[in-house]
Amino acid sequence: MSVQVEFQATAPPLRWDEAGGIRIGQSRVALDSLLATYHAGSTPEEIAVQYPILPLTEIYAAIAYYLAHRQQMDVYLEQRRQQAQQRRKRFTQDHNLTDLRQRLLARRQSQRG
């Protein structure tokens, strides 16, 4: 006697956000963040502790999707890394953060004295 099991394909719990990033399920957790934690050696269960808003099933599904589409996802992650680096550079230039620490310390000293 054999039992037939019906399988139902489900879409990965990934969605594009308004800024062009990929989020997990209905949360605001970025795929970039989840995969950075995964690449740092965390298990899905450890990731679930760090991101309690994410169901364990969504964490496994996101990692499985990444592993099944590694080349495309690595391109996406590299583009996101470059965009973040450009934003940081632009922000630093626009707001003269190069010597911010020194300026804040000088201001603190002048207020004390």
PDB file of N, CA and C in Angstrom:
ATOM      1  N   MET A   1       0.844  -1.168   0.000  1.00  0.00           N
ATOM      2  CA  MET A   1       0.000   0.000   0.000  1.00  0.00           C
ATOM      3  C   MET A   1       0.896   1.240   0.000  1.00  0.00           C
ATOM      4  N   SER A   2       0.644   2.108  -0.928  1.00  0.00           N
ATOM      5  CA  SER A   2       1.447   3.335  -0.982  1.00  0.00           C
ATOM      6  C   SER A   2       0.540   4.539  -0.776  1.00  0.00           C
ATOM      7  N   VAL A   3       1.098   5.500  -0.136  1.00  0.00           N
ATOM      8  CA  VAL A   3       0.353   6.725   0.132  1.00  0.00           C
ATOM      9  C   VAL A   3       0.880   7.791  -0.815  1.00  0.00           C
ATOM     10  N   GLN A   4      -0.017   8.423  -1.507  1.00  0.00           N
ATOM     11  CA  GLN A   4       0.381   9.502  -2.403  1.00  0.00           C
ATOM     12  C   GLN A   4       0.311  10.821  -1.659  1.00  0.00           C
ATOM     13  N   VAL A   5       1.383  11.555  -1.744  1.00  0.00           N
ATOM     14  CA  VAL A   5       1.446  12.857  -1.096  1.00  0.00           C
ATOM     15  C   VAL A   5       1.444  13.911  -2.183  1.00  0.00           C
ATOM     16  N   GLU A   6       0.617  14.897  -1.997  1.00  0.00           N
ATOM     17  CA  GLU A   6       0.604  16.001  -2.964  1.00  0.00           C
ATOM     18  C   GLU A   6       1.541  17.088  -2.495  1.00  0.00           C
ATOM     19  N   PHE A   7       2.352  17.555  -3.415  1.00  0.00           N
ATOM     20  CA  PHE A   7       3.270  18.636  -3.108  1.00  0.00           C
ATOM     21  C   PHE A   7       2.736  19.921  -3.690  1.00  0.00           C
ATOM     22  N   GLN A   8       2.941  20.964  -2.967  1.00  0.00           N
ATOM     23  CA  GLN A   8       2.487  22.266  -3.436  1.00  0.00           C
ATOM     24  C   GLN A   8       3.698  23.197  -3.469  1.00  0.00           C
ATOM     25  N   ALA A   9       4.015  23.693  -4.643  1.00  0.00           N
ATOM     26  CA  ALA A   9       5.140  24.613  -4.767  1.00  0.00           C
ATOM     27  C   ALA A   9       4.772  25.956  -4.151  1.00  0.00           C
ATOM     28  N   THR A  10       5.706  26.530  -3.426  1.00  0.00           N
ATOM     29  CA  THR A  10       5.482  27.844  -2.835  1.00  0.00           C
ATOM     30  C   THR A  10       6.569  28.794  -3.297  1.00  0.00           C
ATOM     31  N   ALA A  11       6.201  30.034  -3.419  1.00  0.00           N
ATOM     32  CA  ALA A  11       7.169  31.056  -3.823  1.00  0.00           C
ATOM     33  C   ALA A  11       8.058  31.385  -2.635  1.00  0.00           C
ATOM     34  N   PRO A  12       9.287  31.792  -2.909  1.00  0.00           N
ATOM     35  CA  PRO A  12      10.153  32.177  -1.792  1.00  0.00           C
ATOM     36  C   PRO A  12       9.586  33.418  -1.098  1.00  0.00           C
ATOM     37  N   PRO A  13       9.844  33.561   0.177  1.00  0.00           N
ATOM     38  CA  PRO A  13       9.271  34.686   0.929  1.00  0.00           C
ATOM     39  C   PRO A  13      10.078  35.965   0.723  1.00  0.00           C
ATOM     40  N   LEU A  14      10.302  36.330  -0.514  1.00  0.00           N
ATOM     41  CA  LEU A  14      11.123  37.497  -0.828  1.00  0.00           C
ATOM     42  C   LEU A  14      10.282  38.524  -1.570  1.00  0.00           C
ATOM     43  N   ARG A  15      10.540  39.801  -1.286  1.00  0.00           N
ATOM     44  CA  ARG A  15       9.831  40.865  -1.995  1.00  0.00           C
ATOM     45  C   ARG A  15      10.775  42.050  -2.167  1.00  0.00           C
ATOM     46  N   TRP A  16      10.551  42.771  -3.243  1.00  0.00           N
ATOM     47  CA  TRP A  16      11.321  43.994  -3.496  1.00  0.00           C
ATOM     48  C   TRP A  16      10.719  45.124  -2.668  1.00  0.00           C
ATOM     49  N   ASP A  17      11.566  45.957  -2.092  1.00  0.00           N
ATOM     50  CA  ASP A  17      11.061  47.124  -1.374  1.00  0.00           C
ATOM     51  C   ASP A  17      11.166  48.356  -2.269  1.00  0.00           C
ATOM     52  N   GLU A  18      10.691  49.482  -1.772  1.00  0.00           N
ATOM     53  CA  GLU A  18      10.653  50.722  -2.561  1.00  0.00           C
ATOM     54  C   GLU A  18      12.046  51.252  -2.899  1.00  0.00           C
ATOM     55  N   ALA A  19      13.060  50.833  -2.159  1.00  0.00           N
ATOM     56  CA  ALA A  19      14.431  51.310  -2.408  1.00  0.00           C
ATOM     57  C   ALA A  19      15.216  50.365  -3.308  1.00  0.00           C
ATOM     58  N   GLY A  20      14.577  49.303  -3.767  1.00  0.00           N
ATOM     59  CA  GLY A  20      15.261  48.373  -4.663  1.00  0.00           C
ATOM     60  C   GLY A  20      15.985  47.242  -3.953  1.00  0.00           C
ATOM     61  N   GLY A  21      15.699  47.059  -2.673  1.00  0.00           N
ATOM     62  CA  GLY A  21      16.297  45.962  -1.923  1.00  0.00           C
ATOM     63  C   GLY A  21      15.323  44.816  -1.789  1.00  0.00           C
ATOM     64  N   ILE A  22      15.833  43.680  -1.386  1.00  0.00           N
ATOM     65  CA  ILE A  22      14.993  42.500  -1.196  1.00  0.00           C
ATOM     66  C   ILE A  22      14.774  42.316   0.298  1.00  0.00           C
ATOM     67  N   ARG A  23      13.507  42.177   0.689  1.00  0.00           N
ATOM     68  CA  ARG A  23      13.120  41.963   2.089  1.00  0.00           C
ATOM     69  C   ARG A  23      12.579  40.550   2.255  1.00  0.00           C
ATOM     70  N   ILE A  24      12.635  40.068   3.494  1.00  0.00           N
ATOM     71  CA  ILE A  24      12.153  38.729   3.807  1.00  0.00           C
ATOM     72  C   ILE A  24      10.695  38.822   4.263  1.00  0.00           C
ATOM     73  N   GLY A  25       9.821  38.112   3.577  1.00  0.00           N
ATOM     74  CA  GLY A  25       8.406  38.082   3.933  1.00  0.00           C
ATOM     75  C   GLY A  25       7.822  39.479   4.047  1.00  0.00           C
ATOM     76  N   GLN A  26       7.019  39.690   5.068  1.00  0.00           N
ATOM     77  CA  GLN A  26       6.411  41.004   5.287  1.00  0.00           C
ATOM     78  C   GLN A  26       7.232  41.848   6.256  1.00  0.00           C
ATOM     79  N   SER A  27       8.404  41.351   6.642  1.00  0.00           N
ATOM     80  CA  SER A  27       9.254  42.077   7.587  1.00  0.00           C
ATOM     81  C   SER A  27      10.076  43.136   6.861  1.00  0.00           C
ATOM     82  N   ARG A  28      10.798  43.917   7.637  1.00  0.00           N
ATOM     83  CA  ARG A  28      11.718  44.895   7.081  1.00  0.00           C
ATOM     84  C   ARG A  28      13.152  44.352   7.062  1.00  0.00           C
ATOM     85  N   VAL A  29      13.323  43.083   7.381  1.00  0.00           N
ATOM     86  CA  VAL A  29      14.647  42.469   7.403  1.00  0.00           C
ATOM     87  C   VAL A  29      15.118  42.282   5.957  1.00  0.00           C
ATOM     88  N   ALA A  30      16.280  42.857   5.669  1.00  0.00           N
ATOM     89  CA  ALA A  30      16.837  42.766   4.317  1.00  0.00           C
ATOM     90  C   ALA A  30      17.486  41.403   4.098  1.00  0.00           C
ATOM     91  N   LEU A  31      17.358  40.909   2.890  1.00  0.00           N
ATOM     92  CA  LEU A  31      18.021  39.659   2.527  1.00  0.00           C
ATOM     93  C   LEU A  31      19.520  39.788   2.743  1.00  0.00           C
ATOM     94  N   ASP A  32      20.063  40.979   2.465  1.00  0.00           N
ATOM     95  CA  ASP A  32      21.487  41.235   2.667  1.00  0.00           C
ATOM     96  C   ASP A  32      21.895  40.911   4.106  1.00  0.00           C
ATOM     97  N   SER A  33      21.095  41.378   5.062  1.00  0.00           N
ATOM     98  CA  SER A  33      21.392  41.174   6.485  1.00  0.00           C
ATOM     99  C   SER A  33      21.319  39.701   6.855  1.00  0.00           C
ATOM    100  N   LEU A  34      20.272  39.035   6.395  1.00  0.00           N
ATOM    101  CA  LEU A  34      20.116  37.625   6.695  1.00  0.00           C
ATOM    102  C   LEU A  34      21.290  36.830   6.127  1.00  0.00           C
ATOM    103  N   LEU A  35      21.672  37.117   4.889  1.00  0.00           N
ATOM    104  CA  LEU A  35      22.764  36.367   4.270  1.00  0.00           C
ATOM    105  C   LEU A  35      24.116  36.713   4.879  1.00  0.00           C
ATOM    106  N   ALA A  36      24.309  37.942   5.328  1.00  0.00           N
ATOM    107  CA  ALA A  36      25.560  38.301   6.008  1.00  0.00           C
ATOM    108  C   ALA A  36      25.700  37.481   7.286  1.00  0.00           C
ATOM    109  N   THR A  37      24.602  37.322   8.004  1.00  0.00           N
ATOM    110  CA  THR A  37      24.603  36.523   9.230  1.00  0.00           C
ATOM    111  C   THR A  37      24.859  35.062   8.900  1.00  0.00           C
ATOM    112  N   TYR A  38      24.230  34.585   7.842  1.00  0.00           N
ATOM    113  CA  TYR A  38      24.428  33.201   7.394  1.00  0.00           C
ATOM    114  C   TYR A  38      25.877  32.966   6.972  1.00  0.00           C
ATOM    115  N   HIS A  39      26.440  33.887   6.202  1.00  0.00           N
ATOM    116  CA  HIS A  39      27.831  33.752   5.756  1.00  0.00           C
ATOM    117  C   HIS A  39      28.819  33.864   6.909  1.00  0.00           C
ATOM    118  N   ALA A  40      28.423  34.530   7.985  1.00  0.00           N
ATOM    119  CA  ALA A  40      29.285  34.632   9.166  1.00  0.00           C
ATOM    120  C   ALA A  40      29.265  33.342   9.986  1.00  0.00           C
ATOM    121  N   GLY A  41      28.451  32.376   9.562  1.00  0.00           N
ATOM    122  CA  GLY A  41      28.456  31.073  10.209  1.00  0.00           C
ATOM    123  C   GLY A  41      27.255  30.756  11.073  1.00  0.00           C
ATOM    124  N   SER A  42      26.277  31.654  11.123  1.00  0.00           N
ATOM    125  CA  SER A  42      25.090  31.388  11.935  1.00  0.00           C
ATOM    126  C   SER A  42      24.193  30.352  11.266  1.00  0.00           C
ATOM    127  N   THR A  43      23.604  29.514  12.071  1.00  0.00           N
ATOM    128  CA  THR A  43      22.635  28.544  11.575  1.00  0.00           C
ATOM    129  C   THR A  43      21.283  29.253  11.421  1.00  0.00           C
ATOM    130  N   PRO A  44      20.362  28.666  10.680  1.00  0.00           N
ATOM    131  CA  PRO A  44      19.031  29.274  10.591  1.00  0.00           C
ATOM    132  C   PRO A  44      18.388  29.478  11.958  1.00  0.00           C
ATOM    133  N   GLU A  45      18.613  28.542  12.872  1.00  0.00           N
ATOM    134  CA  GLU A  45      18.045  28.676  14.217  1.00  0.00           C
ATOM    135  C   GLU A  45      18.657  29.873  14.950  1.00  0.00           C
ATOM    136  N   GLU A  46      19.957  30.094  14.787  1.00  0.00           N
ATOM    137  CA  GLU A  46      20.612  31.254  15.403  1.00  0.00           C
ATOM    138  C   GLU A  46      20.126  32.554  14.766  1.00  0.00           C
ATOM    139  N   ILE A  47      19.901  32.511  13.465  1.00  0.00           N
ATOM    140  CA  ILE A  47      19.372  33.694  12.763  1.00  0.00           C
ATOM    141  C   ILE A  47      17.978  34.011  13.298  1.00  0.00           C
ATOM    142  N   ALA A  48      17.186  32.989  13.577  1.00  0.00           N
ATOM    143  CA  ALA A  48      15.837  33.193  14.112  1.00  0.00           C
ATOM    144  C   ALA A  48      15.877  33.883  15.472  1.00  0.00           C
ATOM    145  N   VAL A  49      16.905  33.609  16.245  1.00  0.00           N
ATOM    146  CA  VAL A  49      17.060  34.276  17.544  1.00  0.00           C
ATOM    147  C   VAL A  49      17.417  35.750  17.326  1.00  0.00           C
ATOM    148  N   GLN A  50      18.281  36.017  16.342  1.00  0.00           N
ATOM    149  CA  GLN A  50      18.691  37.392  16.051  1.00  0.00           C
ATOM    150  C   GLN A  50      17.575  38.205  15.406  1.00  0.00           C
ATOM    151  N   TYR A  51      16.737  37.533  14.629  1.00  0.00           N
ATOM    152  CA  TYR A  51      15.629  38.196  13.939  1.00  0.00           C
ATOM    153  C   TYR A  51      14.324  37.495  14.326  1.00  0.00           C
ATOM    154  N   PRO A  52      13.839  37.727  15.543  1.00  0.00           N
ATOM    155  CA  PRO A  52      12.653  36.983  16.008  1.00  0.00           C
ATOM    156  C   PRO A  52      11.387  37.270  15.206  1.00  0.00           C
ATOM    157  N   ILE A  53      11.392  38.311  14.414  1.00  0.00           N
ATOM    158  CA  ILE A  53      10.222  38.614  13.581  1.00  0.00           C
ATOM    159  C   ILE A  53      10.091  37.620  12.424  1.00  0.00           C
ATOM    160  N   LEU A  54      11.179  36.932  12.090  1.00  0.00           N
ATOM    161  CA  LEU A  54      11.160  36.006  10.950  1.00  0.00           C
ATOM    162  C   LEU A  54      10.831  34.588  11.397  1.00  0.00           C
ATOM    163  N   PRO A  55       9.821  33.992  10.785  1.00  0.00           N
ATOM    164  CA  PRO A  55       9.565  32.569  11.057  1.00  0.00           C
ATOM    165  C   PRO A  55      10.724  31.726  10.524  1.00  0.00           C
ATOM    166  N   LEU A  56      11.035  30.666  11.212  1.00  0.00           N
ATOM    167  CA  LEU A  56      12.138  29.794  10.812  1.00  0.00           C
ATOM    168  C   LEU A  56      11.945  29.271   9.387  1.00  0.00           C
ATOM    169  N   THR A  57      10.708  29.011   9.006  1.00  0.00           N
ATOM    170  CA  THR A  57      10.440  28.520   7.649  1.00  0.00           C
ATOM    171  C   THR A  57      10.858  29.544   6.595  1.00  0.00           C
ATOM    172  N   GLU A  58      10.647  30.840   6.879  1.00  0.00           N
ATOM    173  CA  GLU A  58      11.043  31.883   5.929  1.00  0.00           C
ATOM    174  C   GLU A  58      12.563  32.015   5.856  1.00  0.00           C
ATOM    175  N   ILE A  59      13.234  31.811   6.972  1.00  0.00           N
ATOM    176  CA  ILE A  59      14.699  31.863   6.979  1.00  0.00           C
ATOM    177  C   ILE A  59      15.255  30.731   6.127  1.00  0.00           C
ATOM    178  N   TYR A  60      14.758  29.527   6.354  1.00  0.00           N
ATOM    179  CA  TYR A  60      15.213  28.394   5.548  1.00  0.00           C
ATOM    180  C   TYR A  60      14.893  28.607   4.072  1.00  0.00           C
ATOM    181  N   ALA A  61      13.703  29.109   3.768  1.00  0.00           N
ATOM    182  CA  ALA A  61      13.312  29.317   2.373  1.00  0.00           C
ATOM    183  C   ALA A  61      14.195  30.365   1.700  1.00  0.00           C
ATOM    184  N   ALA A  62      14.528  31.440   2.411  1.00  0.00           N
ATOM    185  CA  ALA A  62      15.388  32.481   1.840  1.00  0.00           C
ATOM    186  C   ALA A  62      16.794  31.938   1.579  1.00  0.00           C
ATOM    187  N   ILE A  63      17.314  31.169   2.523  1.00  0.00           N
ATOM    188  CA  ILE A  63      18.648  30.574   2.339  1.00  0.00           C
ATOM    189  C   ILE A  63      18.614  29.565   1.194  1.00  0.00           C
ATOM    190  N   ALA A  64      17.569  28.758   1.116  1.00  0.00           N
ATOM    191  CA  ALA A  64      17.446  27.778   0.033  1.00  0.00           C
ATOM    192  C   ALA A  64      17.384  28.483  -1.317  1.00  0.00           C
ATOM    193  N   TYR A  65      16.640  29.584  -1.372  1.00  0.00           N
ATOM    194  CA  TYR A  65      16.563  30.334  -2.629  1.00  0.00           C
ATOM    195  C   TYR A  65      17.943  30.874  -3.003  1.00  0.00           C
ATOM    196  N   TYR A  66      18.640  31.417  -2.027  1.00  0.00           N
ATOM    197  CA  TYR A  66      19.999  31.919  -2.274  1.00  0.00           C
ATOM    198  C   TYR A  66      20.887  30.798  -2.814  1.00  0.00           C
ATOM    199  N   LEU A  67      20.862  29.638  -2.165  1.00  0.00           N
ATOM    200  CA  LEU A  67      21.725  28.533  -2.584  1.00  0.00           C
ATOM    201  C   LEU A  67      21.360  28.032  -3.980  1.00  0.00           C
ATOM    202  N   ALA A  68      20.085  28.060  -4.328  1.00  0.00           N
ATOM    203  CA  ALA A  68      19.635  27.597  -5.640  1.00  0.00           C
ATOM    204  C   ALA A  68      19.939  28.609  -6.744  1.00  0.00           C
ATOM    205  N   HIS A  69      20.112  29.874  -6.363  1.00  0.00           N
ATOM    206  CA  HIS A  69      20.340  30.948  -7.337  1.00  0.00           C
ATOM    207  C   HIS A  69      21.577  31.761  -6.954  1.00  0.00           C
ATOM    208  N   ARG A  70      22.601  31.066  -6.513  1.00  0.00           N
ATOM    209  CA  ARG A  70      23.781  31.701  -5.930  1.00  0.00           C
ATOM    210  C   ARG A  70      24.427  32.728  -6.847  1.00  0.00           C
ATOM    211  N   GLN A  71      24.590  32.428  -8.109  1.00  0.00           N
ATOM    212  CA  GLN A  71      25.266  33.357  -9.016  1.00  0.00           C
ATOM    213  C   GLN A  71      24.497  34.673  -9.132  1.00  0.00           C
ATOM    214  N   GLN A  72      23.197  34.596  -9.364  1.00  0.00           N
ATOM    215  CA  GLN A  72      22.376  35.807  -9.467  1.00  0.00           C
ATOM    216  C   GLN A  72      22.374  36.578  -8.153  1.00  0.00           C
ATOM    217  N   MET A  73      22.241  35.859  -7.060  1.00  0.00           N
ATOM    218  CA  MET A  73      22.166  36.506  -5.756  1.00  0.00           C
ATOM    219  C   MET A  73      23.493  37.146  -5.371  1.00  0.00           C
ATOM    220  N   ASP A  74      24.608  36.520  -5.746  1.00  0.00           N
ATOM    221  CA  ASP A  74      25.912  37.127  -5.458  1.00  0.00           C
ATOM    222  C   ASP A  74      26.106  38.416  -6.248  1.00  0.00           C
ATOM    223  N   VAL A  75      25.586  38.461  -7.470  1.00  0.00           N
ATOM    224  CA  VAL A  75      25.628  39.698  -8.255  1.00  0.00           C
ATOM    225  C   VAL A  75      24.799  40.774  -7.555  1.00  0.00           C
ATOM    226  N   TYR A  76      23.607  40.417  -7.116  1.00  0.00           N
ATOM    227  CA  TYR A  76      22.746  41.352  -6.384  1.00  0.00           C
ATOM    228  C   TYR A  76      23.447  41.866  -5.129  1.00  0.00           C
ATOM    229  N   LEU A  77      24.035  40.960  -4.349  1.00  0.00           N
ATOM    230  CA  LEU A  77      24.705  41.360  -3.112  1.00  0.00           C
ATOM    231  C   LEU A  77      25.890  42.276  -3.382  1.00  0.00           C
ATOM    232  N   GLU A  78      26.633  42.001  -4.428  1.00  0.00           N
ATOM    233  CA  GLU A  78      27.771  42.861  -4.777  1.00  0.00           C
ATOM    234  C   GLU A  78      27.292  44.241  -5.210  1.00  0.00           C
ATOM    235  N   GLN A  79      26.230  44.298  -5.988  1.00  0.00           N
ATOM    236  CA  GLN A  79      25.666  45.601  -6.383  1.00  0.00           C
ATOM    237  C   GLN A  79      25.218  46.378  -5.155  1.00  0.00           C
ATOM    238  N   ARG A  80      24.566  45.712  -4.223  1.00  0.00           N
ATOM    239  CA  ARG A  80      24.112  46.379  -2.997  1.00  0.00           C
ATOM    240  C   ARG A  80      25.302  46.876  -2.170  1.00  0.00           C
ATOM    241  N   ARG A  81      26.367  46.081  -2.114  1.00  0.00           N
ATOM    242  CA  ARG A  81      27.562  46.482  -1.374  1.00  0.00           C
ATOM    243  C   ARG A  81      28.171  47.728  -1.984  1.00  0.00           C
ATOM    244  N   GLN A  82      28.259  47.758  -3.312  1.00  0.00           N
ATOM    245  CA  GLN A  82      28.816  48.927  -4.008  1.00  0.00           C
ATOM    246  C   GLN A  82      27.930  50.157  -3.816  1.00  0.00           C
ATOM    247  N   GLN A  83      26.622  49.976  -3.890  1.00  0.00           N
ATOM    248  CA  GLN A  83      25.702  51.103  -3.678  1.00  0.00           C
ATOM    249  C   GLN A  83      25.849  51.667  -2.269  1.00  0.00           C
ATOM    250  N   ALA A  84      25.951  50.796  -1.289  1.00  0.00           N
ATOM    251  CA  ALA A  84      26.105  51.245   0.098  1.00  0.00           C
ATOM    252  C   ALA A  84      27.418  51.988   0.281  1.00  0.00           C
ATOM    253  N   GLN A  85      28.463  51.490  -0.336  1.00  0.00           N
ATOM    254  CA  GLN A  85      29.770  52.151  -0.254  1.00  0.00           C
ATOM    255  C   GLN A  85      29.706  53.537  -0.895  1.00  0.00           C
ATOM    256  N   GLN A  86      29.027  53.662  -2.033  1.00  0.00           N
ATOM    257  CA  GLN A  86      28.882  54.960  -2.694  1.00  0.00           C
ATOM    258  C   GLN A  86      28.058  55.917  -1.836  1.00  0.00           C
ATOM    259  N   ARG A  87      26.986  55.414  -1.215  1.00  0.00           N
ATOM    260  CA  ARG A  87      26.164  56.265  -0.343  1.00  0.00           C
ATOM    261  C   ARG A  87      26.961  56.765   0.854  1.00  0.00           C
ATOM    262  N   ARG A  88      27.758  55.872   1.464  1.00  0.00           N
ATOM    263  CA  ARG A  88      28.587  56.281   2.601  1.00  0.00           C
ATOM    264  C   ARG A  88      29.591  57.347   2.186  1.00  0.00           C
ATOM    265  N   LYS A  89      30.210  57.156   1.042  1.00  0.00           N
ATOM    266  CA  LYS A  89      31.206  58.115   0.549  1.00  0.00           C
ATOM    267  C   LYS A  89      30.551  59.464   0.276  1.00  0.00           C
ATOM    268  N   ARG A  90      29.404  59.440  -0.391  1.00  0.00           N
ATOM    269  CA  ARG A  90      28.683  60.674  -0.704  1.00  0.00           C
ATOM    270  C   ARG A  90      28.241  61.390   0.580  1.00  0.00           C
ATOM    271  N   PHE A  91      27.733  60.630   1.529  1.00  0.00           N
ATOM    272  CA  PHE A  91      27.280  61.204   2.790  1.00  0.00           C
ATOM    273  C   PHE A  91      28.444  61.843   3.535  1.00  0.00           C
ATOM    274  N   THR A  92      29.572  61.146   3.575  1.00  0.00           N
ATOM    275  CA  THR A  92      30.761  61.671   4.256  1.00  0.00           C
ATOM    276  C   THR A  92      31.224  62.964   3.602  1.00  0.00           C
ATOM    277  N   GLN A  93      31.217  62.997   2.281  1.00  0.00           N
ATOM    278  CA  GLN A  93      31.632  64.206   1.566  1.00  0.00           C
ATOM    279  C   GLN A  93      30.626  65.339   1.778  1.00  0.00           C
ATOM    280  N   ASP A  94      29.344  65.036   1.698  1.00  0.00           N
ATOM    281  CA  ASP A  94      28.310  66.066   1.824  1.00  0.00           C
ATOM    282  C   ASP A  94      28.252  66.659   3.224  1.00  0.00           C
ATOM    283  N   HIS A  95      28.610  65.873   4.226  1.00  0.00           N
ATOM    284  CA  HIS A  95      28.463  66.329   5.601  1.00  0.00           C
ATOM    285  C   HIS A  95      29.794  66.512   6.319  1.00  0.00           C
ATOM    286  N   ASN A  96      30.887  66.500   5.582  1.00  0.00           N
ATOM    287  CA  ASN A  96      32.210  66.743   6.127  1.00  0.00           C
ATOM    288  C   ASN A  96      32.430  65.971   7.429  1.00  0.00           C
ATOM    289  N   LEU A  97      32.277  64.672   7.359  1.00  0.00           N
ATOM    290  CA  LEU A  97      32.428  63.836   8.541  1.00  0.00           C
ATOM    291  C   LEU A  97      33.877  63.442   8.809  1.00  0.00           C
ATOM    292  N   THR A  98      34.754  63.843   7.938  1.00  0.00           N
ATOM    293  CA  THR A  98      36.148  63.447   8.058  1.00  0.00           C
ATOM    294  C   THR A  98      36.723  63.843   9.415  1.00  0.00           C
ATOM    295  N   ASP A  99      36.486  65.065   9.837  1.00  0.00           N
ATOM    296  CA  ASP A  99      37.039  65.518  11.110  1.00  0.00           C
ATOM    297  C   ASP A  99      35.946  65.783  12.151  1.00  0.00           C
ATOM    298  N   LEU A 100      34.819  65.122  12.022  1.00  0.00           N
ATOM    299  CA  LEU A 100      33.694  65.336  12.930  1.00  0.00           C
ATOM    300  C   LEU A 100      34.085  65.063  14.383  1.00  0.00           C
ATOM    301  N   ARG A 101      34.763  63.982  14.636  1.00  0.00           N
ATOM    302  CA  ARG A 101      35.155  63.639  16.007  1.00  0.00           C
ATOM    303  C   ARG A 101      35.991  64.757  16.620  1.00  0.00           C
ATOM    304  N   GLN A 102      36.965  65.267  15.869  1.00  0.00           N
ATOM    305  CA  GLN A 102      37.811  66.341  16.391  1.00  0.00           C
ATOM    306  C   GLN A 102      36.993  67.600  16.670  1.00  0.00           C
ATOM    307  N   ARG A 103      36.058  67.930  15.772  1.00  0.00           N
ATOM    308  CA  ARG A 103      35.231  69.120  15.977  1.00  0.00           C
ATOM    309  C   ARG A 103      34.335  68.975  17.202  1.00  0.00           C
ATOM    310  N   LEU A 104      33.761  67.794  17.391  1.00  0.00           N
ATOM    311  CA  LEU A 104      32.907  67.566  18.554  1.00  0.00           C
ATOM    312  C   LEU A 104      33.707  67.629  19.857  1.00  0.00           C
ATOM    313  N   LEU A 105      34.897  67.044  19.864  1.00  0.00           N
ATOM    314  CA  LEU A 105      35.736  67.102  21.058  1.00  0.00           C
ATOM    315  C   LEU A 105      36.154  68.534  21.372  1.00  0.00           C
ATOM    316  N   ALA A 106      36.483  69.290  20.333  1.00  0.00           N
ATOM    317  CA  ALA A 106      36.863  70.695  20.535  1.00  0.00           C
ATOM    318  C   ALA A 106      35.686  71.486  21.092  1.00  0.00           C
ATOM    319  N   ARG A 107      34.492  71.251  20.596  1.00  0.00           N
ATOM    320  CA  ARG A 107      33.301  71.945  21.082  1.00  0.00           C
ATOM    321  C   ARG A 107      33.043  71.595  22.542  1.00  0.00           C
ATOM    322  N   ARG A 108      33.200  70.322  22.870  1.00  0.00           N
ATOM    323  CA  ARG A 108      32.994  69.884  24.252  1.00  0.00           C
ATOM    324  C   ARG A 108      33.987  70.568  25.192  1.00  0.00           C
ATOM    325  N   GLN A 109      35.254  70.646  24.766  1.00  0.00           N
ATOM    326  CA  GLN A 109      36.272  71.291  25.582  1.00  0.00           C
ATOM    327  C   GLN A 109      35.976  72.772  25.784  1.00  0.00           C
ATOM    328  N   SER A 110      35.503  73.438  24.734  1.00  0.00           N
ATOM    329  CA  SER A 110      35.221  74.877  24.849  1.00  0.00           C
ATOM    330  C   SER A 110      34.014  75.126  25.751  1.00  0.00           C
ATOM    331  N   GLN A 111      33.069  74.207  25.803  1.00  0.00           N
ATOM    332  CA  GLN A 111      31.895  74.358  26.659  1.00  0.00           C
ATOM    333  C   GLN A 111      32.245  74.130  28.131  1.00  0.00           C
ATOM    334  N   ARG A 112      33.224  73.297  28.377  1.00  0.00           N
ATOM    335  CA  ARG A 112      33.662  73.007  29.752  1.00  0.00           C
ATOM    336  C   ARG A 112      34.506  74.151  30.321  1.00  0.00           C
ATOM    337  N   GLY A 113      35.274  74.756  29.441  1.00  0.00           N
ATOM    338  CA  GLY A 113      36.257  75.744  29.889  1.00  0.00           C
ATOM    339  C   GLY A 113      35.698  77.065  30.066  1.00  0.00           C
TER     340      GLY A 113
END
